[in-house]
Amino acid sequence: MSTLADPVPGGRPGDVDRATALSGELSGRGVHGVVLSYVDTAGVGRVKTIPTAKLASAAAWGVGMSPVFDTFLANDSIVTTDVLGSPDGDLRLYPDLDRLVVLAGQPGWAWAPVDRVTQEGERHPGCTRTFLRRLVADAEQRLGITFKAAVEIEWAVGRGPSAEGDFVPALSGPAYGAIRQVELSDHTADLLAAFAAQGVDVDQLHPEYAAGQFEVSVGALDPVAAADRSVLVRQTIRAVAQRHGLVVSFAPAVFAEGVGNGGHLHLSAWRDGRNLHSGGDGRYGMTAEAESFAAGILARLPALTAVTAPSPASCLRLKPSQWAGVFTAWGHETREAAVRVVTGTLGLRDQAANLEVKPVDLAANPYLALGSVIAAGLEGVRGSSKLPQETVGDPARLGADEARSRGVRRLPTTLSEAVAEFREDRVLRDALGPLLADAVIAVREGEIAAVAGLDDEQVAAAYRWKY
C-alpha cells in the first residue's frame, strides 16, 4: 500500500525518524545512494539521486527539481503552456518511504517514487502520482470504491544498438518458443531473482511474439503502487539486462512493421472487500456498477488514447488484427477487443475477474494512464452507463453497417486525432485539472511537430531508445 497522505514541509508524522532509521539500515547493507523517481508527461522516467545519508533530509524537506520537466518531450526538447515550460520556479521531490526498495539489479542503490510539492508546501497540480493518489482516495471516500491494478510489461531484448541506433534482436527462436527461453535462460533467471529480492511478485515471465520480445505479468496492487511497480520493473529489467551485456527497448514500436510493445492495464473495482466484476447479475458475473465502469472506459477510449498511447510511435503499434485493441469494442476474453472482460478460471473468479484495457503502451505515464482510465470508468458508474452489445472475434471483420449499429469505431489513427478527441472530452480534462490537461496537449503537439516529415521507419527509430 502506498502512502496516501500528501507530503508536508518538515515531513509527515514519523517520516523523519523512519527515514533516519532506514538510512542507517541501508548503509549497513552497502547501499550508497537512493534514486528518486518520477515519470514526466511524455512518459519518460526522470530521476534525481541522493546519498543514503540524505534520506531523512529528503523526507523532511524534499529535493529540488524544476517544474519545466512537465513539458519535456521524449527528445528532451521543451515546449510551453501559459504557465509551464519556463526556467522559473522550483518543486520539491518527497520520497514515499513505504515504496522504497533496495535495487537488486543495481548494487549500491535503493529506489523510491516521489510526489512533487511546491516550495509553499502545496501539492503540485502537474504531479501525475499525486493526481492518481488523490483520485483513488476520492473514489473511496465518495463512492466506497477501491481498485486493484497491474500493468503488463512487454519489451524487446537486443544485443546492442549499432552506431546508427539499430536494434539487433537477442533471440532467434519462434514466438513464445522454448528456444527463446533457453537462449536467455541465465538472464531471465537473474531477472526473476531480482524481482523476488525486491518484493515484486511475478505471475508470468515468458518469450512473446515480436523479435526479441519478452513479457512479464505481475501481481495486482492499489493503483498508485501498481504504477510505482511498473516503473520499478522497467528499471530492474534494464539494469539486469545491462549486467548481461544486453540492451532493452520498451518503445511502442521498435520497428515500423510488426507487433509492438504493449503496456496493457488490468483493473478491477471493489467495494467492502468484494470484487464488483464477479458474482453479480450482469454479463459474465459483472455487477451493474462493474458494467457501468467498463462502459465509461469504452465511451472515452478515443480521447484516452492521447494518454494511453501518447507517442507518434504508438500509432505504429495500434494496428487492426494484432491484439492491440484498436476499435471501441468489448468482449469476454477477446484479445482483439479494446476492453477485454477477464473472468478468470473457475474457483478464482471472485479474486481474479478484471478488465484489461489494451490500447496502452509503455510510452504512457502509468500514473496518468491509470488515473485517466479510472476517471472514465467512474464517470460511467456515476451515470449508470450501459454496455453496448458484445463483440465476438475480430472487430476488423465487422461490416460497416454492423459496426455502426454496435457503436464500434476505429480509434484515432494519428496522434493529432487523439489530441483532438482529448480536447473535446470535458470529463478527462476536468479530472486532470487545467494545468495537467494543458501539459498533455502541449507535449503531444510537441511530439507531433518533432516527427513532422518523417516516414514510419524514421519515427520508430526516433523513439526506439527513449523508453
Protein backbone atom coordinates (compact mmCIF):
# COMPACT_ATOMS: atom_id res chain seq x y z
CA MET A 1 0.00 0.00 0.00
CA SER A 2 1.29 3.44 -0.90
CA THR A 3 1.28 6.40 1.45
CA LEU A 4 -1.99 8.28 0.80
CA ALA A 5 -1.28 11.46 2.76
CA ASP A 6 0.19 14.46 0.97
CA PRO A 7 3.81 15.27 1.82
CA VAL A 8 4.30 18.34 4.01
CA PRO A 9 7.32 20.51 4.78
CA GLY A 10 9.03 19.04 7.82
CA GLY A 11 7.81 15.56 6.87
CA ARG A 12 4.68 13.53 7.53
CA PRO A 13 4.32 12.34 11.15
CA GLY A 14 7.05 9.79 11.81
CA ASP A 15 8.68 10.09 8.38
CA VAL A 16 11.91 11.76 9.50
CA ASP A 17 12.56 9.26 12.29
CA ARG A 18 11.72 6.43 9.94
CA ALA A 19 13.99 7.81 7.20
CA THR A 20 16.83 8.20 9.72
CA ALA A 21 16.48 4.55 10.72
CA LEU A 22 16.23 3.47 7.08
CA SER A 23 19.34 5.45 6.22
CA GLY A 24 21.36 3.53 8.79
CA GLU A 25 19.88 0.21 7.70
CA LEU A 26 20.61 0.90 4.05
CA SER A 27 24.18 1.97 4.75
CA GLY A 28 24.69 -1.26 6.70
CA ARG A 29 23.58 -3.18 3.60
CA GLY A 30 26.07 -1.41 1.38
CA VAL A 31 23.57 0.97 -0.19
CA HIS A 32 25.23 4.29 -1.01
CA GLY A 33 22.51 6.20 -2.86
CA VAL A 34 18.75 6.47 -3.37
CA VAL A 35 17.14 7.00 -6.77
CA LEU A 36 14.21 9.44 -6.51
CA SER A 37 11.96 8.51 -9.39
CA TYR A 38 9.08 10.09 -11.26
CA VAL A 39 7.66 9.98 -14.80
CA ASP A 40 7.14 13.07 -16.94
CA THR A 41 4.20 13.93 -19.19
CA ALA A 42 5.95 12.34 -22.20
CA GLY A 43 6.22 9.06 -20.30
CA VAL A 44 9.99 9.28 -19.77
CA GLY A 45 11.34 8.26 -16.38
CA ARG A 46 13.28 11.09 -14.77
CA VAL A 47 15.35 10.89 -11.58
CA LYS A 48 17.41 12.67 -9.03
CA THR A 49 19.67 10.73 -6.71
CA ILE A 50 20.85 11.43 -3.18
CA PRO A 51 23.40 9.86 -0.85
CA THR A 52 21.81 7.47 1.60
CA ALA A 53 22.73 9.80 4.45
CA LYS A 54 20.45 12.49 2.98
CA LEU A 55 17.28 10.36 3.07
CA ALA A 56 15.99 11.96 6.29
CA SER A 57 16.51 15.44 4.87
CA ALA A 58 14.63 14.44 1.71
CA ALA A 59 11.74 13.07 3.80
CA ALA A 60 11.57 16.32 5.74
CA TRP A 61 12.17 18.96 3.09
CA GLY A 62 12.22 17.23 -0.28
CA VAL A 63 14.80 17.59 -3.04
CA GLY A 64 14.73 20.39 -5.59
CA MET A 65 13.61 19.82 -9.18
CA SER A 66 12.42 22.26 -11.83
CA PRO A 67 8.76 22.14 -12.96
CA VAL A 68 10.00 22.52 -16.54
CA PHE A 69 10.05 18.72 -16.87
CA ASP A 70 6.26 18.74 -17.11
CA THR A 71 6.72 19.95 -20.69
CA PHE A 72 9.79 17.98 -21.73
CA LEU A 73 9.45 15.90 -24.89
CA ALA A 74 10.93 12.45 -25.30
CA ASN A 75 13.87 14.00 -27.19
CA ASP A 76 14.46 16.44 -24.28
CA SER A 77 13.17 19.46 -26.17
CA ILE A 78 10.93 21.75 -24.12
CA VAL A 79 7.51 23.07 -25.09
CA THR A 80 5.46 25.62 -23.20
CA THR A 81 1.97 26.33 -21.95
CA ASP A 82 0.77 29.57 -20.42
CA VAL A 83 2.26 28.52 -17.05
CA LEU A 84 4.73 25.71 -17.78
CA GLY A 85 7.99 25.39 -19.67
CA SER A 86 9.85 28.42 -18.36
CA PRO A 87 13.15 28.29 -16.45
CA ASP A 88 11.46 29.85 -13.41
CA GLY A 89 10.40 28.17 -10.18
CA ASP A 90 11.24 25.04 -8.24
CA LEU A 91 9.49 21.99 -6.80
CA ARG A 92 10.37 19.58 -4.00
CA LEU A 93 10.54 15.81 -4.52
CA TYR A 94 9.33 13.84 -1.49
CA PRO A 95 10.10 10.09 -1.43
CA ASP A 96 7.37 7.63 -0.46
CA LEU A 97 9.16 5.59 2.20
CA ASP A 98 6.53 2.85 2.02
CA ARG A 99 7.64 2.11 -1.55
CA LEU A 100 11.41 2.35 -1.03
CA VAL A 101 13.24 -0.78 -2.17
CA VAL A 102 16.86 -1.87 -2.45
CA LEU A 103 17.66 -2.43 -6.13
CA ALA A 104 18.88 -5.99 -6.67
CA GLY A 105 19.98 -5.22 -10.22
CA GLN A 106 21.94 -2.12 -9.21
CA PRO A 107 24.15 -2.96 -6.23
CA GLY A 108 24.72 0.05 -4.00
CA TRP A 109 21.40 1.71 -4.85
CA ALA A 110 17.88 1.93 -3.46
CA TRP A 111 14.84 3.36 -5.26
CA ALA A 112 11.75 5.30 -4.21
CA PRO A 113 8.95 7.05 -6.13
CA VAL A 114 8.24 10.66 -5.28
CA ASP A 115 5.39 13.13 -5.05
CA ARG A 116 6.15 16.66 -6.20
CA VAL A 117 5.23 19.56 -3.92
CA THR A 118 5.60 23.33 -4.34
CA GLN A 119 8.02 25.28 -2.19
CA GLU A 120 4.97 26.60 -0.34
CA GLY A 121 4.10 23.06 0.68
CA GLU A 122 1.14 22.62 -1.67
CA ARG A 123 0.70 19.63 -3.97
CA HIS A 124 1.87 20.38 -7.48
CA PRO A 125 -1.08 20.16 -9.91
CA GLY A 126 1.21 18.70 -12.57
CA CYS A 127 2.33 15.76 -10.41
CA THR A 128 0.75 12.69 -12.00
CA ARG A 129 1.43 10.45 -9.00
CA THR A 130 -0.40 12.90 -6.75
CA PHE A 131 -3.21 13.09 -9.32
CA LEU A 132 -3.70 9.31 -9.22
CA ARG A 133 -3.35 9.13 -5.44
CA ARG A 134 -5.98 11.82 -4.89
CA LEU A 135 -8.33 10.31 -7.48
CA VAL A 136 -8.43 6.87 -5.88
CA ALA A 137 -8.72 8.35 -2.39
CA ASP A 138 -11.69 10.45 -3.54
CA ALA A 139 -13.37 7.42 -5.14
CA GLU A 140 -13.13 5.51 -1.88
CA GLN A 141 -14.41 8.43 0.18
CA ARG A 142 -17.30 9.42 -2.08
CA LEU A 143 -18.34 6.11 -3.66
CA GLY A 144 -16.88 3.47 -1.38
CA ILE A 145 -14.98 2.02 -4.36
CA THR A 146 -11.37 0.86 -4.25
CA PHE A 147 -9.27 -0.61 -7.03
CA LYS A 148 -6.67 -3.23 -7.80
CA ALA A 149 -4.46 -2.75 -10.83
CA ALA A 150 -1.49 -4.16 -12.68
CA VAL A 151 0.47 -3.10 -15.76
CA GLU A 152 1.75 -5.71 -18.19
CA ILE A 153 5.30 -5.03 -19.38
CA GLU A 154 6.49 -6.04 -22.85
CA TRP A 155 9.98 -5.27 -24.05
CA ALA A 156 12.45 -6.16 -26.77
CA VAL A 157 15.87 -7.55 -25.84
CA GLY A 158 18.78 -6.69 -28.09
CA ARG A 159 22.47 -7.49 -28.45
CA GLY A 160 23.29 -3.80 -28.54
CA PRO A 161 22.48 -0.92 -30.84
CA SER A 162 24.76 -0.15 -33.75
CA ALA A 163 26.32 3.26 -34.18
CA GLU A 164 23.19 4.15 -36.14
CA GLY A 165 20.95 3.08 -33.26
CA ASP A 166 19.65 -0.05 -34.98
CA PHE A 167 18.14 -2.88 -32.97
CA VAL A 168 19.64 -6.38 -33.17
CA PRO A 169 17.30 -8.95 -31.54
CA ALA A 170 18.92 -11.14 -28.89
CA LEU A 171 16.52 -14.02 -29.63
CA SER A 172 16.24 -16.19 -32.71
CA GLY A 173 13.66 -18.82 -31.80
CA PRO A 174 9.92 -18.92 -32.60
CA ALA A 175 7.39 -16.71 -30.81
CA TYR A 176 6.58 -17.99 -27.31
CA GLY A 177 9.11 -20.75 -28.06
CA ALA A 178 11.19 -22.93 -25.75
CA ILE A 179 14.24 -21.97 -27.83
CA ARG A 180 13.87 -18.35 -26.77
CA GLN A 181 13.61 -19.30 -23.11
CA VAL A 182 16.83 -21.32 -23.36
CA GLU A 183 18.68 -18.60 -25.27
CA LEU A 184 18.27 -16.10 -22.42
CA SER A 185 17.97 -18.58 -19.56
CA ASP A 186 20.70 -17.07 -17.36
CA HIS A 187 19.44 -13.55 -17.94
CA THR A 188 15.80 -14.29 -17.11
CA ALA A 189 16.76 -16.39 -14.06
CA ASP A 190 18.69 -13.41 -12.71
CA LEU A 191 15.73 -11.20 -13.53
CA LEU A 192 13.36 -13.42 -11.53
CA ALA A 193 15.81 -13.41 -8.63
CA ALA A 194 15.98 -9.61 -8.72
CA PHE A 195 12.20 -9.30 -8.72
CA ALA A 196 11.92 -11.69 -5.76
CA ALA A 197 14.57 -9.76 -3.80
CA GLN A 198 12.62 -6.54 -4.42
CA GLY A 199 9.27 -8.00 -3.35
CA VAL A 200 7.78 -7.98 -6.86
CA ASP A 201 5.50 -11.00 -7.17
CA VAL A 202 5.68 -12.30 -10.73
CA ASP A 203 2.77 -14.22 -12.24
CA GLN A 204 4.41 -15.00 -15.60
CA LEU A 205 7.64 -14.27 -17.46
CA HIS A 206 7.84 -15.59 -20.99
CA PRO A 207 9.01 -15.01 -24.58
CA GLU A 208 6.49 -13.04 -26.62
CA TYR A 209 5.60 -12.64 -30.30
CA ALA A 210 7.83 -9.94 -31.80
CA ALA A 211 11.56 -10.10 -32.50
CA GLY A 212 13.50 -10.27 -29.23
CA GLN A 213 10.34 -9.73 -27.20
CA PHE A 214 9.53 -10.82 -23.64
CA GLU A 215 6.62 -10.10 -21.31
CA VAL A 216 6.24 -10.07 -17.54
CA SER A 217 2.94 -10.04 -15.65
CA VAL A 218 3.00 -9.04 -12.00
CA GLY A 219 0.57 -9.16 -9.12
CA ALA A 220 -2.13 -6.54 -8.65
CA LEU A 221 -1.82 -3.73 -6.10
CA ASP A 222 -3.63 -0.49 -5.37
CA PRO A 223 -3.33 1.76 -8.47
CA VAL A 224 -0.59 4.03 -7.12
CA ALA A 225 1.52 1.08 -6.02
CA ALA A 226 0.82 -0.64 -9.35
CA ALA A 227 2.10 2.38 -11.26
CA ASP A 228 5.14 2.54 -8.96
CA ARG A 229 5.75 -1.14 -9.59
CA SER A 230 5.61 -0.73 -13.36
CA VAL A 231 8.37 1.89 -13.15
CA LEU A 232 10.43 -0.28 -10.80
CA VAL A 233 10.00 -3.34 -13.02
CA ARG A 234 11.34 -1.46 -16.03
CA GLN A 235 14.27 -0.08 -14.04
CA THR A 236 15.08 -3.65 -12.95
CA ILE A 237 14.74 -5.17 -16.42
CA ARG A 238 17.10 -2.59 -17.87
CA ALA A 239 19.67 -2.94 -15.08
CA VAL A 240 19.76 -6.74 -15.17
CA ALA A 241 19.99 -6.73 -18.97
CA GLN A 242 22.94 -4.37 -18.86
CA ARG A 243 24.78 -6.69 -16.47
CA HIS A 244 24.39 -9.40 -19.12
CA GLY A 245 25.66 -7.19 -21.93
CA LEU A 246 22.16 -6.75 -23.35
CA VAL A 247 20.03 -3.70 -24.14
CA VAL A 248 16.26 -3.34 -23.94
CA SER A 249 13.60 -1.18 -25.53
CA PHE A 250 10.13 -0.58 -24.13
CA ALA A 251 9.20 1.61 -27.12
CA PRO A 252 5.73 1.07 -28.57
CA ALA A 253 7.24 0.17 -31.95
CA VAL A 254 10.85 -0.97 -32.14
CA PHE A 255 10.32 -1.39 -35.87
CA ALA A 256 7.81 0.32 -38.14
CA GLU A 257 6.26 -3.00 -39.14
CA GLY A 258 5.13 -5.87 -36.95
CA VAL A 259 3.84 -6.20 -33.43
CA GLY A 260 4.97 -3.58 -30.91
CA ASN A 261 5.40 -3.47 -27.14
CA GLY A 262 2.20 -3.06 -25.16
CA GLY A 263 1.59 -1.99 -21.59
CA HIS A 264 -1.94 -3.32 -21.08
CA LEU A 265 -3.73 -2.19 -17.93
CA HIS A 266 -5.58 -4.67 -15.72
CA LEU A 267 -8.09 -3.07 -13.40
CA SER A 268 -10.83 -4.19 -11.03
CA ALA A 269 -13.21 -2.20 -8.82
CA TRP A 270 -14.04 -3.36 -5.29
CA ARG A 271 -16.44 -2.42 -2.51
CA ASP A 272 -16.19 -3.66 1.08
CA GLY A 273 -13.75 -6.37 0.03
CA ARG A 274 -15.95 -7.68 -2.79
CA ASN A 275 -14.83 -7.73 -6.42
CA LEU A 276 -17.54 -5.94 -8.42
CA HIS A 277 -16.54 -7.86 -11.56
CA SER A 278 -17.61 -11.22 -10.13
CA GLY A 279 -20.74 -12.68 -8.57
CA GLY A 280 -23.12 -10.10 -10.00
CA ASP A 281 -26.27 -10.44 -12.06
CA GLY A 282 -24.81 -8.84 -15.19
CA ARG A 283 -22.98 -10.29 -18.13
CA TYR A 284 -20.19 -12.70 -17.17
CA GLY A 285 -20.89 -12.15 -13.49
CA MET A 286 -20.37 -8.41 -13.50
CA THR A 287 -22.38 -6.26 -11.14
CA ALA A 288 -24.29 -3.31 -12.57
CA GLU A 289 -21.56 -0.97 -11.34
CA ALA A 290 -18.84 -3.05 -12.99
CA GLU A 291 -20.72 -2.96 -16.30
CA SER A 292 -21.11 0.82 -16.00
CA PHE A 293 -17.42 1.15 -15.15
CA ALA A 294 -16.48 -0.78 -18.30
CA ALA A 295 -18.96 1.26 -20.35
CA GLY A 296 -17.42 4.50 -19.10
CA ILE A 297 -13.97 3.42 -20.23
CA LEU A 298 -15.25 2.22 -23.59
CA ALA A 299 -17.06 5.50 -24.27
CA ARG A 300 -13.93 7.59 -23.70
CA LEU A 301 -11.36 5.39 -25.43
CA PRO A 302 -10.80 7.74 -28.41
CA ALA A 303 -9.82 10.57 -26.04
CA LEU A 304 -8.00 8.24 -23.67
CA THR A 305 -5.55 7.24 -26.41
CA ALA A 306 -3.94 10.69 -26.10
CA VAL A 307 -2.88 9.50 -22.64
CA THR A 308 -2.54 5.72 -23.01
CA ALA A 309 -0.88 5.65 -26.46
CA PRO A 310 0.80 9.07 -26.39
CA SER A 311 3.74 8.79 -28.76
CA PRO A 312 3.89 9.07 -32.56
CA ALA A 313 5.41 5.59 -32.33
CA SER A 314 2.25 4.40 -30.55
CA CYS A 315 0.32 4.79 -33.79
CA LEU A 316 2.67 2.28 -35.44
CA ARG A 317 1.58 -0.30 -32.84
CA LEU A 318 -2.16 0.43 -32.98
CA LYS A 319 -3.00 -1.69 -36.00
CA PRO A 320 -6.01 -3.96 -36.53
CA SER A 321 -5.74 -7.71 -36.05
CA GLN A 322 -2.58 -7.50 -33.92
CA TRP A 323 -4.22 -7.78 -30.47
CA ALA A 324 -3.72 -4.06 -29.85
CA GLY A 325 -7.44 -3.30 -29.32
CA VAL A 326 -7.91 -0.55 -31.88
CA PHE A 327 -11.73 -0.46 -32.01
CA THR A 328 -14.26 0.74 -29.44
CA ALA A 329 -15.35 -2.81 -28.69
CA TRP A 330 -15.53 -5.03 -25.64
CA GLY A 331 -15.66 -8.79 -25.33
CA HIS A 332 -15.28 -11.71 -22.97
CA GLU A 333 -11.70 -13.00 -23.19
CA THR A 334 -11.48 -11.40 -26.65
CA ARG A 335 -7.91 -10.28 -27.19
CA GLU A 336 -8.80 -8.08 -30.14
CA ALA A 337 -11.27 -6.08 -28.05
CA ALA A 338 -10.03 -2.79 -26.61
CA VAL A 339 -11.74 -3.67 -23.32
CA ARG A 340 -11.42 -7.35 -22.51
CA VAL A 341 -13.58 -8.79 -19.75
CA VAL A 342 -11.41 -11.30 -17.90
CA THR A 343 -13.37 -13.69 -15.69
CA GLY A 344 -10.51 -15.96 -14.70
CA THR A 345 -10.68 -19.67 -14.09
CA LEU A 346 -13.46 -21.32 -12.09
CA GLY A 347 -12.67 -21.22 -8.39
CA LEU A 348 -10.68 -17.97 -8.52
CA ARG A 349 -13.15 -15.62 -10.19
CA ASP A 350 -14.04 -13.68 -7.06
CA GLN A 351 -10.39 -12.61 -6.88
CA ALA A 352 -9.21 -12.73 -10.50
CA ALA A 353 -12.03 -11.12 -12.51
CA ASN A 354 -10.96 -7.79 -14.00
CA LEU A 355 -10.91 -5.59 -17.08
CA GLU A 356 -7.97 -5.47 -19.45
CA VAL A 357 -7.55 -2.20 -21.36
CA LYS A 358 -5.44 -2.95 -24.41
CA PRO A 359 -4.70 0.28 -26.38
CA VAL A 360 -1.98 1.17 -23.87
CA ASP A 361 1.79 1.13 -24.32
CA LEU A 362 4.83 1.94 -22.23
CA ALA A 363 5.30 5.43 -23.63
CA ALA A 364 2.36 6.23 -21.36
CA ASN A 365 2.99 7.72 -17.95
CA PRO A 366 1.48 4.90 -15.81
CA TYR A 367 0.08 7.26 -13.16
CA LEU A 368 -1.58 9.38 -15.81
CA ALA A 369 -2.86 6.36 -17.76
CA LEU A 370 -4.34 4.57 -14.74
CA GLY A 371 -5.84 7.78 -13.38
CA SER A 372 -7.45 8.73 -16.68
CA VAL A 373 -8.89 5.25 -17.24
CA ILE A 374 -10.27 5.18 -13.70
CA ALA A 375 -11.76 8.66 -14.15
CA ALA A 376 -13.52 7.47 -17.32
CA GLY A 377 -14.83 4.37 -15.58
CA LEU A 378 -16.10 6.33 -12.58
CA GLU A 379 -17.98 8.67 -14.89
CA GLY A 380 -19.71 5.58 -16.25
CA VAL A 381 -20.62 4.49 -12.71
CA ARG A 382 -22.00 7.91 -11.81
CA GLY A 383 -24.12 7.96 -14.97
CA SER A 384 -25.15 4.26 -14.76
CA SER A 385 -23.82 3.84 -18.31
CA LYS A 386 -24.89 0.76 -20.24
CA LEU A 387 -22.52 -1.54 -22.07
CA PRO A 388 -23.35 -1.93 -25.78
CA GLN A 389 -23.56 -5.29 -27.49
CA GLU A 390 -20.54 -7.52 -27.01
CA THR A 391 -18.17 -8.12 -29.92
CA VAL A 392 -17.04 -11.68 -30.58
CA GLY A 393 -13.93 -12.27 -32.67
CA ASP A 394 -12.00 -9.58 -34.54
CA PRO A 395 -13.87 -6.24 -34.80
CA ALA A 396 -11.97 -5.56 -38.04
CA ARG A 397 -14.15 -8.21 -39.70
CA LEU A 398 -17.40 -6.37 -38.99
CA GLY A 399 -19.15 -4.76 -41.92
CA ALA A 400 -19.62 -1.01 -41.81
CA ASP A 401 -23.35 -1.19 -41.03
CA GLU A 402 -22.95 -3.78 -38.28
CA ALA A 403 -20.05 -1.89 -36.73
CA ARG A 404 -22.11 1.31 -36.73
CA SER A 405 -25.09 -0.40 -35.10
CA ARG A 406 -22.84 -1.74 -32.33
CA GLY A 407 -21.09 1.58 -31.81
CA VAL A 408 -17.78 0.06 -32.90
CA ARG A 409 -15.41 2.55 -34.48
CA ARG A 410 -11.72 2.77 -35.13
CA LEU A 411 -9.65 4.52 -32.51
CA PRO A 412 -7.61 7.52 -33.70
CA THR A 413 -5.00 6.51 -36.26
CA THR A 414 -2.81 9.57 -35.63
CA LEU A 415 -1.72 11.37 -32.51
CA SER A 416 -3.30 14.53 -33.89
CA GLU A 417 -6.70 12.81 -33.98
CA ALA A 418 -6.23 11.56 -30.42
CA VAL A 419 -5.36 15.07 -29.18
CA ALA A 420 -8.45 16.48 -30.90
CA GLU A 421 -10.60 13.88 -29.09
CA PHE A 422 -8.91 14.71 -25.77
CA ARG A 423 -9.50 18.44 -26.26
CA GLU A 424 -13.23 17.81 -26.57
CA ASP A 425 -13.51 15.42 -23.61
CA ARG A 426 -14.50 17.58 -20.67
CA VAL A 427 -14.63 14.65 -18.23
CA LEU A 428 -10.98 13.75 -18.72
CA ARG A 429 -9.80 17.36 -18.82
CA ASP A 430 -11.67 18.15 -15.60
CA ALA A 431 -10.28 15.05 -13.90
CA LEU A 432 -6.70 16.05 -14.76
CA GLY A 433 -7.20 19.71 -14.00
CA PRO A 434 -6.30 22.59 -16.33
CA LEU A 435 -2.53 22.62 -15.74
CA LEU A 436 -2.03 18.89 -16.30
CA ALA A 437 -4.52 18.70 -19.19
CA ASP A 438 -2.77 21.59 -20.93
CA ALA A 439 0.60 19.91 -20.37
CA VAL A 440 -0.71 16.73 -22.02
CA ILE A 441 -1.87 18.66 -25.08
CA ALA A 442 1.32 20.74 -25.35
CA VAL A 443 3.60 17.72 -25.06
CA ARG A 444 1.60 15.66 -27.57
CA GLU A 445 1.60 18.53 -30.05
CA GLY A 446 5.33 18.93 -29.49
CA GLU A 447 5.88 15.25 -30.29
CA ILE A 448 3.80 15.60 -33.45
CA ALA A 449 5.93 18.54 -34.60
CA ALA A 450 9.14 16.70 -33.73
CA VAL A 451 8.43 13.94 -36.27
CA ALA A 452 6.86 16.05 -38.99
CA GLY A 453 8.08 14.81 -42.37
CA LEU A 454 9.47 11.51 -41.07
CA ASP A 455 8.38 8.17 -42.52
CA ASP A 456 7.26 5.29 -40.31
CA GLU A 457 10.70 3.71 -40.00
CA GLN A 458 12.23 7.03 -39.06
CA VAL A 459 9.52 7.54 -36.42
CA ALA A 460 10.25 4.11 -34.95
CA ALA A 461 13.98 4.92 -34.89
CA ALA A 462 13.35 8.29 -33.24
CA TYR A 463 11.69 6.63 -30.20
CA ARG A 464 13.45 3.24 -30.18
CA TRP A 465 15.79 4.11 -27.31
CA LYS A 466 13.67 6.70 -25.50
CA TYR A 467 11.66 4.16 -23.48
